[in-house]
Amino acid sequence: MKYKLKSYRYGELILNNEPKYKQKWDELLETIESITDEEIIFAHESNKRVPKGLSVALNKVIKEKLVSIGWKPESKIFNDIEYANKSWRLDFANENISIEVAFNHGEAIAWNLVKPTIASELNHVEKEIKTDIAIVICATKDLKTKGGFDGATGEFEKFERYLDPLRGLLTVPMVIIGLEAPNSFKIEHKQVGNTKQGIVKKL
């Protein structure tokens, strides 16, 4: 799978040049590049009720691949049981790097960016993990369109626009990875009863 990168606070430079991060960063990029159109189609069509877009399939494929190379899913930011629910969890963590996979509503963009920052800052609640650098994986506008995503999904280009206004809050170095649309197919919507299903159309 192809992708775009947006570096924030020298995130890409740090990941490429700091020995303690470089291997994990290279593995992550190789893992994303290894995602095939066939894997995405299989994950999409194997759902009991075929979703409208590719977000469910991509979440599944990304999770399986990241767990297989040692990333811990649903990592708690805090040790306190009061903050143990999903709202206070990172999608993935590996030592001091965190990953958020953000195919959700555009209104959640700020929270997707702030969460790893909270995990990096000292505060009054004991941490389970201390994040030094953050990675956010999201869909480009092209993938959002061709992948049948909901129109309200926050895309890579919008994540880029959020970085400068939030600079005072986002103190952790970060890289935004925008996944590109597949080359061999797109999703077309078909009305089935009261719901829309995403049908794979080969190009």
N, C-alpha and C. Protein backbone atom coordinates (compact mmCIF):
# COMPACT_ATOMS: atom_id res chain seq x y z
N MET A 1 0.85 -1.19 0.00
CA MET A 1 0.00 0.00 0.00
C MET A 1 0.89 1.24 0.00
N LYS A 2 0.54 2.23 -0.81
CA LYS A 2 1.30 3.47 -0.88
C LYS A 2 0.76 4.46 0.15
N TYR A 3 1.59 5.48 0.48
CA TYR A 3 1.21 6.42 1.53
C TYR A 3 1.93 7.75 1.34
N LYS A 4 1.42 8.77 2.04
CA LYS A 4 2.08 10.06 2.13
C LYS A 4 2.51 10.28 3.59
N LEU A 5 3.52 11.10 3.79
CA LEU A 5 3.99 11.40 5.14
C LEU A 5 3.96 12.90 5.40
N LYS A 6 3.55 13.26 6.61
CA LYS A 6 3.64 14.65 7.07
C LYS A 6 4.39 14.64 8.40
N SER A 7 5.54 15.27 8.45
CA SER A 7 6.36 15.30 9.66
C SER A 7 6.02 16.55 10.47
N TYR A 8 5.95 16.36 11.79
CA TYR A 8 5.63 17.47 12.71
C TYR A 8 6.64 17.46 13.85
N ARG A 9 7.19 18.62 14.15
CA ARG A 9 8.23 18.76 15.18
C ARG A 9 9.38 17.76 14.93
N TYR A 10 9.78 17.66 13.66
CA TYR A 10 10.92 16.83 13.24
C TYR A 10 10.70 15.33 13.49
N GLY A 11 9.44 14.91 13.53
CA GLY A 11 9.14 13.51 13.81
C GLY A 11 9.82 12.53 12.86
N GLU A 12 9.72 12.79 11.55
CA GLU A 12 10.32 11.88 10.57
C GLU A 12 11.84 11.86 10.69
N LEU A 13 12.43 13.02 10.89
CA LEU A 13 13.89 13.11 11.05
C LEU A 13 14.36 12.30 12.26
N ILE A 14 13.63 12.40 13.36
CA ILE A 14 13.98 11.65 14.57
C ILE A 14 13.86 10.15 14.34
N LEU A 15 12.75 9.73 13.72
CA LEU A 15 12.53 8.30 13.49
C LEU A 15 13.58 7.71 12.55
N ASN A 16 14.02 8.50 11.59
CA ASN A 16 15.01 8.00 10.62
C ASN A 16 16.44 8.00 11.15
N ASN A 17 16.71 8.83 12.16
CA ASN A 17 18.10 9.02 12.57
C ASN A 17 18.45 8.55 13.98
N GLU A 18 17.45 8.37 14.82
CA GLU A 18 17.71 7.88 16.18
C GLU A 18 17.71 6.36 16.17
N PRO A 19 18.84 5.72 16.52
CA PRO A 19 18.92 4.25 16.48
C PRO A 19 17.83 3.54 17.27
N LYS A 20 17.37 4.11 18.40
CA LYS A 20 16.37 3.43 19.22
C LYS A 20 14.99 3.41 18.57
N TYR A 21 14.78 4.25 17.53
CA TYR A 21 13.49 4.28 16.84
C TYR A 21 13.55 3.69 15.44
N LYS A 22 14.71 3.78 14.79
CA LYS A 22 14.80 3.52 13.35
C LYS A 22 14.31 2.14 12.94
N GLN A 23 14.68 1.10 13.69
CA GLN A 23 14.27 -0.25 13.30
C GLN A 23 12.75 -0.40 13.32
N LYS A 24 12.13 0.12 14.38
CA LYS A 24 10.67 0.03 14.49
C LYS A 24 9.99 0.83 13.39
N TRP A 25 10.55 2.00 13.07
CA TRP A 25 10.00 2.86 12.03
C TRP A 25 10.10 2.16 10.67
N ASP A 26 11.26 1.62 10.37
CA ASP A 26 11.45 0.90 9.10
C ASP A 26 10.50 -0.29 8.99
N GLU A 27 10.35 -1.03 10.11
CA GLU A 27 9.44 -2.18 10.12
C GLU A 27 8.00 -1.75 9.87
N LEU A 28 7.63 -0.63 10.48
CA LEU A 28 6.26 -0.13 10.31
C LEU A 28 5.99 0.23 8.85
N LEU A 29 6.90 0.98 8.23
CA LEU A 29 6.71 1.37 6.83
C LEU A 29 6.69 0.15 5.91
N GLU A 30 7.58 -0.81 6.18
CA GLU A 30 7.59 -2.05 5.38
C GLU A 30 6.28 -2.81 5.54
N THR A 31 5.73 -2.78 6.75
CA THR A 31 4.46 -3.47 7.01
C THR A 31 3.32 -2.81 6.23
N ILE A 32 3.28 -1.49 6.23
CA ILE A 32 2.24 -0.78 5.46
C ILE A 32 2.40 -1.05 3.98
N GLU A 33 3.64 -1.00 3.50
CA GLU A 33 3.90 -1.27 2.07
C GLU A 33 3.52 -2.70 1.68
N SER A 34 3.54 -3.61 2.65
CA SER A 34 3.24 -5.02 2.35
C SER A 34 1.74 -5.30 2.22
N ILE A 35 0.90 -4.34 2.60
CA ILE A 35 -0.56 -4.56 2.52
C ILE A 35 -0.97 -4.58 1.04
N THR A 36 -1.58 -5.68 0.63
CA THR A 36 -1.98 -5.83 -0.77
C THR A 36 -3.46 -5.53 -0.96
N ASP A 37 -3.82 -5.21 -2.20
CA ASP A 37 -5.23 -5.00 -2.51
C ASP A 37 -6.04 -6.26 -2.21
N GLU A 38 -5.45 -7.43 -2.48
CA GLU A 38 -6.15 -8.70 -2.24
C GLU A 38 -6.46 -8.90 -0.76
N GLU A 39 -5.52 -8.53 0.11
CA GLU A 39 -5.75 -8.64 1.55
C GLU A 39 -6.90 -7.72 1.99
N ILE A 40 -6.92 -6.52 1.44
CA ILE A 40 -7.97 -5.55 1.81
C ILE A 40 -9.33 -6.07 1.34
N ILE A 41 -9.40 -6.55 0.10
CA ILE A 41 -10.66 -7.07 -0.45
C ILE A 41 -11.16 -8.25 0.38
N PHE A 42 -10.27 -9.17 0.73
CA PHE A 42 -10.66 -10.33 1.51
C PHE A 42 -11.21 -9.90 2.88
N ALA A 43 -10.50 -8.99 3.55
CA ALA A 43 -10.95 -8.51 4.85
C ALA A 43 -12.29 -7.79 4.76
N HIS A 44 -12.49 -7.07 3.66
CA HIS A 44 -13.75 -6.33 3.46
C HIS A 44 -14.91 -7.28 3.21
N GLU A 45 -14.71 -8.23 2.32
CA GLU A 45 -15.82 -9.10 1.91
C GLU A 45 -16.09 -10.23 2.90
N SER A 46 -15.18 -10.46 3.83
CA SER A 46 -15.38 -11.54 4.80
C SER A 46 -16.23 -11.12 6.00
N ASN A 47 -16.61 -9.84 6.06
CA ASN A 47 -17.51 -9.40 7.11
C ASN A 47 -18.90 -9.99 6.89
N LYS A 48 -19.58 -10.31 8.00
CA LYS A 48 -20.92 -10.88 7.90
C LYS A 48 -21.85 -9.95 7.14
N ARG A 49 -21.80 -8.68 7.51
CA ARG A 49 -22.54 -7.66 6.77
C ARG A 49 -21.50 -6.74 6.15
N VAL A 50 -21.42 -6.73 4.84
CA VAL A 50 -20.36 -5.98 4.14
C VAL A 50 -20.50 -4.48 4.46
N PRO A 51 -19.44 -3.87 5.01
CA PRO A 51 -19.51 -2.45 5.38
C PRO A 51 -19.61 -1.53 4.17
N LYS A 52 -19.94 -0.29 4.45
CA LYS A 52 -20.06 0.72 3.40
C LYS A 52 -18.70 1.05 2.79
N GLY A 53 -17.68 1.12 3.63
CA GLY A 53 -16.35 1.50 3.16
C GLY A 53 -15.27 0.58 3.69
N LEU A 54 -14.02 0.93 3.41
CA LEU A 54 -12.88 0.07 3.72
C LEU A 54 -12.30 0.25 5.12
N SER A 55 -12.88 1.12 5.93
CA SER A 55 -12.27 1.39 7.23
C SER A 55 -12.20 0.15 8.12
N VAL A 56 -13.25 -0.67 8.12
CA VAL A 56 -13.27 -1.88 8.95
C VAL A 56 -12.18 -2.84 8.49
N ALA A 57 -12.09 -3.04 7.17
CA ALA A 57 -11.09 -3.96 6.61
C ALA A 57 -9.68 -3.47 6.89
N LEU A 58 -9.43 -2.19 6.72
CA LEU A 58 -8.09 -1.66 6.94
C LEU A 58 -7.70 -1.73 8.41
N ASN A 59 -8.65 -1.43 9.29
CA ASN A 59 -8.36 -1.57 10.72
C ASN A 59 -7.96 -3.00 11.06
N LYS A 60 -8.67 -3.96 10.48
CA LYS A 60 -8.40 -5.38 10.76
C LYS A 60 -7.02 -5.79 10.23
N VAL A 61 -6.73 -5.44 8.99
CA VAL A 61 -5.45 -5.82 8.38
C VAL A 61 -4.28 -5.16 9.11
N ILE A 62 -4.42 -3.86 9.41
CA ILE A 62 -3.35 -3.14 10.10
C ILE A 62 -3.12 -3.74 11.48
N LYS A 63 -4.19 -4.04 12.21
CA LYS A 63 -4.04 -4.61 13.55
C LYS A 63 -3.31 -5.95 13.50
N GLU A 64 -3.74 -6.84 12.60
CA GLU A 64 -3.10 -8.16 12.49
C GLU A 64 -1.61 -8.03 12.19
N LYS A 65 -1.27 -7.13 11.28
CA LYS A 65 0.13 -6.98 10.89
C LYS A 65 0.98 -6.33 11.98
N LEU A 66 0.44 -5.32 12.65
CA LEU A 66 1.22 -4.66 13.70
C LEU A 66 1.42 -5.58 14.91
N VAL A 67 0.39 -6.31 15.29
CA VAL A 67 0.53 -7.25 16.41
C VAL A 67 1.58 -8.31 16.08
N SER A 68 1.62 -8.73 14.81
CA SER A 68 2.58 -9.78 14.41
C SER A 68 4.03 -9.31 14.50
N ILE A 69 4.26 -7.99 14.49
CA ILE A 69 5.65 -7.49 14.60
C ILE A 69 5.90 -6.85 15.97
N GLY A 70 5.02 -7.13 16.93
CA GLY A 70 5.33 -6.76 18.31
C GLY A 70 4.67 -5.53 18.88
N TRP A 71 3.72 -4.92 18.17
CA TRP A 71 3.02 -3.76 18.71
C TRP A 71 1.89 -4.22 19.63
N LYS A 72 1.75 -3.56 20.76
CA LYS A 72 0.71 -3.90 21.74
C LYS A 72 -0.56 -3.10 21.44
N PRO A 73 -1.69 -3.80 21.16
CA PRO A 73 -2.92 -3.07 20.87
C PRO A 73 -3.62 -2.61 22.15
N GLU A 74 -4.44 -1.55 22.00
CA GLU A 74 -5.27 -1.05 23.10
C GLU A 74 -4.45 -0.79 24.37
N SER A 75 -3.33 -0.14 24.21
CA SER A 75 -2.44 0.15 25.33
C SER A 75 -3.00 1.31 26.16
N LYS A 76 -3.13 1.09 27.46
CA LYS A 76 -3.66 2.12 28.35
C LYS A 76 -2.64 3.26 28.49
N ILE A 77 -3.15 4.50 28.48
CA ILE A 77 -2.28 5.64 28.73
C ILE A 77 -1.95 5.71 30.22
N PHE A 78 -2.96 5.47 31.05
CA PHE A 78 -2.80 5.61 32.50
C PHE A 78 -2.98 4.26 33.20
N ASN A 79 -2.33 4.12 34.35
CA ASN A 79 -2.50 2.92 35.18
C ASN A 79 -3.78 2.96 36.00
N ASP A 80 -4.26 4.16 36.31
CA ASP A 80 -5.45 4.32 37.16
C ASP A 80 -6.67 3.67 36.50
N ILE A 81 -7.38 2.82 37.25
CA ILE A 81 -8.55 2.10 36.72
C ILE A 81 -9.65 3.04 36.27
N GLU A 82 -9.69 4.24 36.84
CA GLU A 82 -10.70 5.23 36.46
C GLU A 82 -10.56 5.65 34.99
N TYR A 83 -9.35 5.48 34.45
CA TYR A 83 -9.08 5.88 33.06
C TYR A 83 -8.75 4.67 32.19
N ALA A 84 -9.42 3.55 32.47
CA ALA A 84 -9.10 2.30 31.77
C ALA A 84 -9.95 2.08 30.52
N ASN A 85 -10.98 2.92 30.31
CA ASN A 85 -11.84 2.67 29.15
C ASN A 85 -11.16 3.07 27.84
N LYS A 86 -11.82 2.76 26.74
CA LYS A 86 -11.20 2.90 25.41
C LYS A 86 -10.81 4.34 25.09
N SER A 87 -11.53 5.30 25.65
CA SER A 87 -11.22 6.71 25.38
C SER A 87 -9.80 7.07 25.80
N TRP A 88 -9.28 6.36 26.81
CA TRP A 88 -7.96 6.66 27.35
C TRP A 88 -6.94 5.60 26.96
N ARG A 89 -7.10 5.03 25.78
CA ARG A 89 -6.16 4.02 25.29
C ARG A 89 -5.54 4.47 23.97
N LEU A 90 -4.30 4.09 23.77
CA LEU A 90 -3.64 4.27 22.48
C LEU A 90 -3.95 3.05 21.62
N ASP A 91 -4.12 3.23 20.32
CA ASP A 91 -4.43 2.08 19.47
C ASP A 91 -3.31 1.04 19.52
N PHE A 92 -2.06 1.52 19.46
CA PHE A 92 -0.90 0.61 19.53
C PHE A 92 0.26 1.33 20.21
N ALA A 93 1.08 0.55 20.90
CA ALA A 93 2.29 1.10 21.49
C ALA A 93 3.40 0.06 21.41
N ASN A 94 4.63 0.55 21.28
CA ASN A 94 5.79 -0.33 21.26
C ASN A 94 6.90 0.43 21.96
N GLU A 95 7.11 0.07 23.23
CA GLU A 95 8.03 0.82 24.09
C GLU A 95 7.59 2.28 24.14
N ASN A 96 8.35 3.21 23.57
CA ASN A 96 8.00 4.63 23.73
C ASN A 96 7.48 5.27 22.44
N ILE A 97 6.99 4.47 21.51
CA ILE A 97 6.34 4.99 20.30
C ILE A 97 4.87 4.60 20.36
N SER A 98 3.98 5.52 20.02
CA SER A 98 2.55 5.20 19.99
C SER A 98 1.99 5.40 18.58
N ILE A 99 0.95 4.64 18.28
CA ILE A 99 0.28 4.75 16.98
C ILE A 99 -1.22 4.91 17.21
N GLU A 100 -1.82 5.88 16.53
CA GLU A 100 -3.27 6.01 16.46
C GLU A 100 -3.70 5.71 15.02
N VAL A 101 -4.67 4.83 14.85
CA VAL A 101 -5.25 4.55 13.53
C VAL A 101 -6.58 5.27 13.49
N ALA A 102 -6.66 6.30 12.65
CA ALA A 102 -7.77 7.25 12.73
C ALA A 102 -8.59 7.29 11.45
N PHE A 103 -9.57 6.39 11.38
CA PHE A 103 -10.52 6.40 10.26
C PHE A 103 -11.89 6.87 10.74
N ASN A 104 -11.92 7.59 11.85
CA ASN A 104 -13.19 7.99 12.43
C ASN A 104 -13.60 9.40 11.98
N HIS A 105 -14.65 9.92 12.60
CA HIS A 105 -15.25 11.19 12.22
C HIS A 105 -14.24 12.33 12.32
N GLY A 106 -14.37 13.28 11.43
CA GLY A 106 -13.47 14.43 11.41
C GLY A 106 -13.43 15.20 12.72
N GLU A 107 -14.54 15.15 13.48
CA GLU A 107 -14.57 15.86 14.77
C GLU A 107 -13.58 15.26 15.76
N ALA A 108 -13.14 14.01 15.52
CA ALA A 108 -12.21 13.35 16.43
C ALA A 108 -10.75 13.64 16.11
N ILE A 109 -10.47 14.41 15.05
CA ILE A 109 -9.08 14.67 14.64
C ILE A 109 -8.27 15.25 15.80
N ALA A 110 -8.80 16.27 16.45
CA ALA A 110 -8.05 16.91 17.54
C ALA A 110 -7.73 15.90 18.64
N TRP A 111 -8.69 15.05 18.99
CA TRP A 111 -8.48 14.07 20.05
C TRP A 111 -7.46 13.02 19.61
N ASN A 112 -7.51 12.60 18.35
CA ASN A 112 -6.52 11.65 17.84
C ASN A 112 -5.10 12.22 17.93
N LEU A 113 -4.96 13.52 17.80
CA LEU A 113 -3.65 14.16 17.90
C LEU A 113 -3.25 14.43 19.35
N VAL A 114 -4.22 14.75 20.18
CA VAL A 114 -3.94 15.10 21.57
C VAL A 114 -3.62 13.86 22.42
N LYS A 115 -4.27 12.73 22.13
CA LYS A 115 -4.07 11.52 22.96
C LYS A 115 -2.60 11.13 23.13
N PRO A 116 -1.83 10.98 22.02
CA PRO A 116 -0.42 10.63 22.22
C PRO A 116 0.38 11.74 22.91
N THR A 117 -0.09 12.98 22.79
CA THR A 117 0.57 14.07 23.51
C THR A 117 0.35 13.91 25.01
N ILE A 118 -0.86 13.54 25.41
CA ILE A 118 -1.14 13.28 26.83
C ILE A 118 -0.23 12.17 27.34
N ALA A 119 -0.05 11.14 26.50
CA ALA A 119 0.79 10.00 26.89
C ALA A 119 2.26 10.39 27.03
N SER A 120 2.63 11.53 26.46
CA SER A 120 4.04 11.96 26.51
C SER A 120 4.32 12.93 27.64
N GLU A 121 3.27 13.58 28.17
CA GLU A 121 3.46 14.65 29.15
C GLU A 121 3.38 14.14 30.58
N LEU A 122 4.09 14.78 31.48
CA LEU A 122 3.96 14.51 32.90
C LEU A 122 2.67 15.14 33.40
N ASN A 123 1.92 14.38 34.22
CA ASN A 123 0.74 14.96 34.86
C ASN A 123 0.48 14.22 36.17
N HIS A 124 -0.69 14.42 36.74
CA HIS A 124 -0.95 13.91 38.08
C HIS A 124 -1.44 12.46 38.11
N VAL A 125 -1.60 11.84 36.96
CA VAL A 125 -2.06 10.45 36.91
C VAL A 125 -0.91 9.58 36.42
N GLU A 126 -0.65 8.48 37.12
CA GLU A 126 0.46 7.60 36.78
C GLU A 126 0.27 6.98 35.40
N LYS A 127 1.33 6.99 34.59
CA LYS A 127 1.27 6.47 33.23
C LYS A 127 1.55 4.97 33.17
N GLU A 128 0.89 4.30 32.22
CA GLU A 128 1.28 2.92 31.91
C GLU A 128 2.41 2.94 30.89
N ILE A 129 2.35 3.92 29.98
CA ILE A 129 3.37 4.03 28.93
C ILE A 129 3.76 5.49 28.76
N LYS A 130 5.02 5.73 28.49
CA LYS A 130 5.51 7.09 28.25
C LYS A 130 5.88 7.19 26.78
N THR A 131 5.12 7.98 26.05
CA THR A 131 5.34 8.15 24.62
C THR A 131 6.38 9.24 24.37
N ASP A 132 7.36 8.93 23.53
CA ASP A 132 8.35 9.92 23.12
C ASP A 132 8.03 10.49 21.74
N ILE A 133 7.37 9.69 20.93
CA ILE A 133 7.07 10.10 19.55
C ILE A 133 5.80 9.39 19.09
N ALA A 134 5.00 10.08 18.30
CA ALA A 134 3.69 9.56 17.91
C ALA A 134 3.56 9.43 16.40
N ILE A 135 2.76 8.43 16.00
CA ILE A 135 2.46 8.19 14.58
C ILE A 135 0.94 8.08 14.46
N VAL A 136 0.37 8.79 13.52
CA VAL A 136 -1.07 8.71 13.25
C VAL A 136 -1.26 8.20 11.84
N ILE A 137 -2.04 7.13 11.69
CA ILE A 137 -2.34 6.55 10.37
C ILE A 137 -3.77 6.92 10.01
N CYS A 138 -3.96 7.52 8.84
CA CYS A 138 -5.30 7.93 8.41
C CYS A 138 -5.43 7.75 6.91
N ALA A 139 -6.59 8.08 6.37
CA ALA A 139 -6.86 7.94 4.94
C ALA A 139 -6.62 9.28 4.22
N THR A 140 -6.00 9.24 3.05
CA THR A 140 -5.95 10.43 2.21
C THR A 140 -7.34 10.71 1.64
N LYS A 141 -7.52 11.88 1.10
CA LYS A 141 -8.81 12.23 0.50
C LYS A 141 -9.15 11.26 -0.63
N ASP A 142 -8.13 10.83 -1.38
CA ASP A 142 -8.35 9.91 -2.50
C ASP A 142 -8.83 8.54 -2.00
N LEU A 143 -8.20 8.03 -0.93
CA LEU A 143 -8.65 6.77 -0.36
C LEU A 143 -10.06 6.91 0.22
N LYS A 144 -10.32 8.01 0.87
CA LYS A 144 -11.65 8.26 1.44
C LYS A 144 -12.72 8.19 0.36
N THR A 145 -12.44 8.78 -0.80
CA THR A 145 -13.41 8.78 -1.90
C THR A 145 -13.52 7.41 -2.55
N LYS A 146 -12.39 6.84 -2.97
CA LYS A 146 -12.40 5.57 -3.70
C LYS A 146 -12.64 4.37 -2.80
N GLY A 147 -12.39 4.55 -1.49
CA GLY A 147 -12.61 3.46 -0.55
C GLY A 147 -13.98 3.45 0.07
N GLY A 148 -14.86 4.34 -0.37
CA GLY A 148 -16.25 4.33 0.10
C GLY A 148 -16.43 4.77 1.54
N PHE A 149 -15.48 5.54 2.07
CA PHE A 149 -15.58 5.98 3.45
C PHE A 149 -16.76 6.95 3.61
N ASP A 150 -17.24 7.05 4.83
CA ASP A 150 -18.26 8.04 5.16
C ASP A 150 -17.71 9.44 4.86
N GLY A 151 -18.57 10.31 4.36
CA GLY A 151 -18.14 11.65 3.98
C GLY A 151 -17.59 12.46 5.14
N ALA A 152 -17.98 12.11 6.37
CA ALA A 152 -17.54 12.87 7.55
C ALA A 152 -16.20 12.39 8.10
N THR A 153 -15.62 11.35 7.49
CA THR A 153 -14.33 10.82 7.97
C THR A 153 -13.24 11.88 7.84
N GLY A 154 -12.43 12.01 8.87
CA GLY A 154 -11.31 12.95 8.82
C GLY A 154 -10.18 12.42 7.98
N GLU A 155 -9.74 13.17 6.98
CA GLU A 155 -8.71 12.68 6.07
C GLU A 155 -7.35 13.34 6.34
N PHE A 156 -6.32 12.76 5.75
CA PHE A 156 -4.93 13.19 5.91
C PHE A 156 -4.78 14.70 5.72
N GLU A 157 -5.37 15.22 4.67
CA GLU A 157 -5.22 16.63 4.35
C GLU A 157 -5.79 17.52 5.47
N LYS A 158 -6.85 17.04 6.13
CA LYS A 158 -7.43 17.81 7.24
C LYS A 158 -6.55 17.69 8.49
N PHE A 159 -5.97 16.50 8.71
CA PHE A 159 -5.03 16.35 9.81
C PHE A 159 -3.89 17.35 9.67
N GLU A 160 -3.38 17.51 8.45
CA GLU A 160 -2.29 18.48 8.22
C GLU A 160 -2.70 19.89 8.65
N ARG A 161 -3.93 20.26 8.34
CA ARG A 161 -4.40 21.62 8.64
C ARG A 161 -4.56 21.85 10.14
N TYR A 162 -4.75 20.78 10.90
CA TYR A 162 -4.95 20.92 12.35
C TYR A 162 -3.64 21.16 13.10
N LEU A 163 -2.51 20.80 12.50
CA LEU A 163 -1.25 20.82 13.24
C LEU A 163 -0.83 22.21 13.70
N ASP A 164 -0.89 23.20 12.84
CA ASP A 164 -0.44 24.54 13.23
C ASP A 164 -1.33 25.18 14.29
N PRO A 165 -2.67 25.16 14.15
CA PRO A 165 -3.50 25.75 15.20
C PRO A 165 -3.33 25.07 16.57
N LEU A 166 -2.96 23.78 16.56
CA LEU A 166 -2.81 23.03 17.82
C LEU A 166 -1.35 22.95 18.29
N ARG A 167 -0.47 23.72 17.66
CA ARG A 167 0.96 23.60 17.96
C ARG A 167 1.27 23.84 19.44
N GLY A 168 0.54 24.73 20.07
CA GLY A 168 0.78 24.99 21.48
C GLY A 168 0.44 23.82 22.38
N LEU A 169 -0.47 22.95 21.90
CA LEU A 169 -0.88 21.77 22.68
C LEU A 169 -0.08 20.53 22.30
N LEU A 170 0.26 20.40 21.01
CA LEU A 170 0.89 19.18 20.52
C LEU A 170 2.41 19.29 20.63
N THR A 171 2.92 18.88 21.78
CA THR A 171 4.35 19.06 22.07
C THR A 171 5.19 17.86 21.67
N VAL A 172 4.58 16.74 21.34
CA VAL A 172 5.32 15.52 21.02
C VAL A 172 5.65 15.49 19.53
N PRO A 173 6.86 15.08 19.13
CA PRO A 173 7.15 14.89 17.70
C PRO A 173 6.21 13.84 17.12
N MET A 174 5.83 14.03 15.87
CA MET A 174 4.77 13.22 15.29
C MET A 174 4.96 13.06 13.79
N VAL A 175 4.48 11.93 13.26
CA VAL A 175 4.39 11.74 11.81
C VAL A 175 2.98 11.30 11.48
N ILE A 176 2.36 11.97 10.52
CA ILE A 176 1.04 11.57 10.03
C ILE A 176 1.26 10.75 8.76
N ILE A 177 0.71 9.54 8.72
CA ILE A 177 0.80 8.68 7.53
C ILE A 177 -0.57 8.64 6.86
N GLY A 178 -0.63 9.13 5.63
CA GLY A 178 -1.88 9.12 4.87
C GLY A 178 -1.88 7.98 3.86
N LEU A 179 -2.75 7.02 4.06
CA LEU A 179 -2.80 5.86 3.16
C LEU A 179 -3.46 6.24 1.85
N GLU A 180 -2.84 5.80 0.74
CA GLU A 180 -3.35 6.10 -0.60
C GLU A 180 -4.40 5.07 -1.03
N ALA A 181 -5.19 5.42 -2.02
CA ALA A 181 -6.22 4.52 -2.53
C ALA A 181 -5.59 3.31 -3.23
N PRO A 182 -6.26 2.15 -3.19
CA PRO A 182 -5.76 0.97 -3.91
C PRO A 182 -5.66 1.25 -5.41
N ASN A 183 -4.77 0.52 -6.08
CA ASN A 183 -4.59 0.70 -7.52
C ASN A 183 -5.56 -0.12 -8.35
N SER A 184 -5.98 -1.28 -7.82
CA SER A 184 -6.69 -2.24 -8.68
C SER A 184 -8.20 -2.26 -8.50
N PHE A 185 -8.73 -1.51 -7.51
CA PHE A 185 -10.18 -1.52 -7.30
C PHE A 185 -10.64 -0.26 -6.59
N LYS A 186 -11.93 -0.05 -6.62
CA LYS A 186 -12.55 1.00 -5.82
C LYS A 186 -13.85 0.44 -5.24
N ILE A 187 -14.45 1.19 -4.34
CA ILE A 187 -15.70 0.76 -3.71
C ILE A 187 -16.86 1.57 -4.29
N GLU A 188 -17.91 0.85 -4.70
CA GLU A 188 -19.15 1.50 -5.12
C GLU A 188 -20.25 1.09 -4.15
N HIS A 189 -21.15 2.01 -3.87
CA HIS A 189 -22.20 1.74 -2.88
C HIS A 189 -23.45 1.15 -3.52
N LYS A 190 -24.01 0.18 -2.82
CA LYS A 190 -25.23 -0.48 -3.26
C LYS A 190 -26.21 -0.50 -2.09
N GLN A 191 -27.43 -0.07 -2.35
CA GLN A 191 -28.45 -0.07 -1.31
C GLN A 191 -28.97 -1.48 -1.09
N VAL A 192 -28.84 -1.97 0.14
CA VAL A 192 -29.35 -3.29 0.50
C VAL A 192 -30.26 -3.11 1.71
N GLY A 193 -31.56 -3.18 1.49
CA GLY A 193 -32.51 -2.90 2.57
C GLY A 193 -32.37 -1.46 3.01
N ASN A 194 -32.13 -1.28 4.30
CA ASN A 194 -32.00 0.08 4.85
C ASN A 194 -30.55 0.56 4.93
N THR A 195 -29.63 -0.27 4.45
CA THR A 195 -28.21 0.09 4.57
C THR A 195 -27.51 0.09 3.22
N LYS A 196 -26.37 0.79 3.18
CA LYS A 196 -25.53 0.78 1.99
C LYS A 196 -24.38 -0.20 2.20
N GLN A 197 -24.08 -0.98 1.20
CA GLN A 197 -22.93 -1.86 1.26
C GLN A 197 -21.90 -1.42 0.24
N GLY A 198 -20.62 -1.63 0.57
CA GLY A 198 -19.54 -1.26 -0.33
C GLY A 198 -19.18 -2.44 -1.21
N ILE A 199 -19.41 -2.31 -2.49
CA ILE A 199 -19.14 -3.36 -3.45
C ILE A 199 -17.81 -3.11 -4.17
N VAL A 200 -16.98 -4.13 -4.20
CA VAL A 200 -15.67 -4.00 -4.85
C VAL A 200 -15.84 -3.98 -6.36
N LYS A 201 -15.29 -2.95 -7.00
CA LYS A 201 -15.30 -2.86 -8.46
C LYS A 201 -13.86 -2.81 -8.94
N LYS A 202 -13.45 -3.83 -9.70
CA LYS A 202 -12.09 -3.89 -10.22
C LYS A 202 -11.88 -2.81 -11.27
N LEU A 203 -10.67 -2.25 -11.29
CA LEU A 203 -10.35 -1.18 -12.25
C LEU A 203 -9.58 -1.74 -13.44
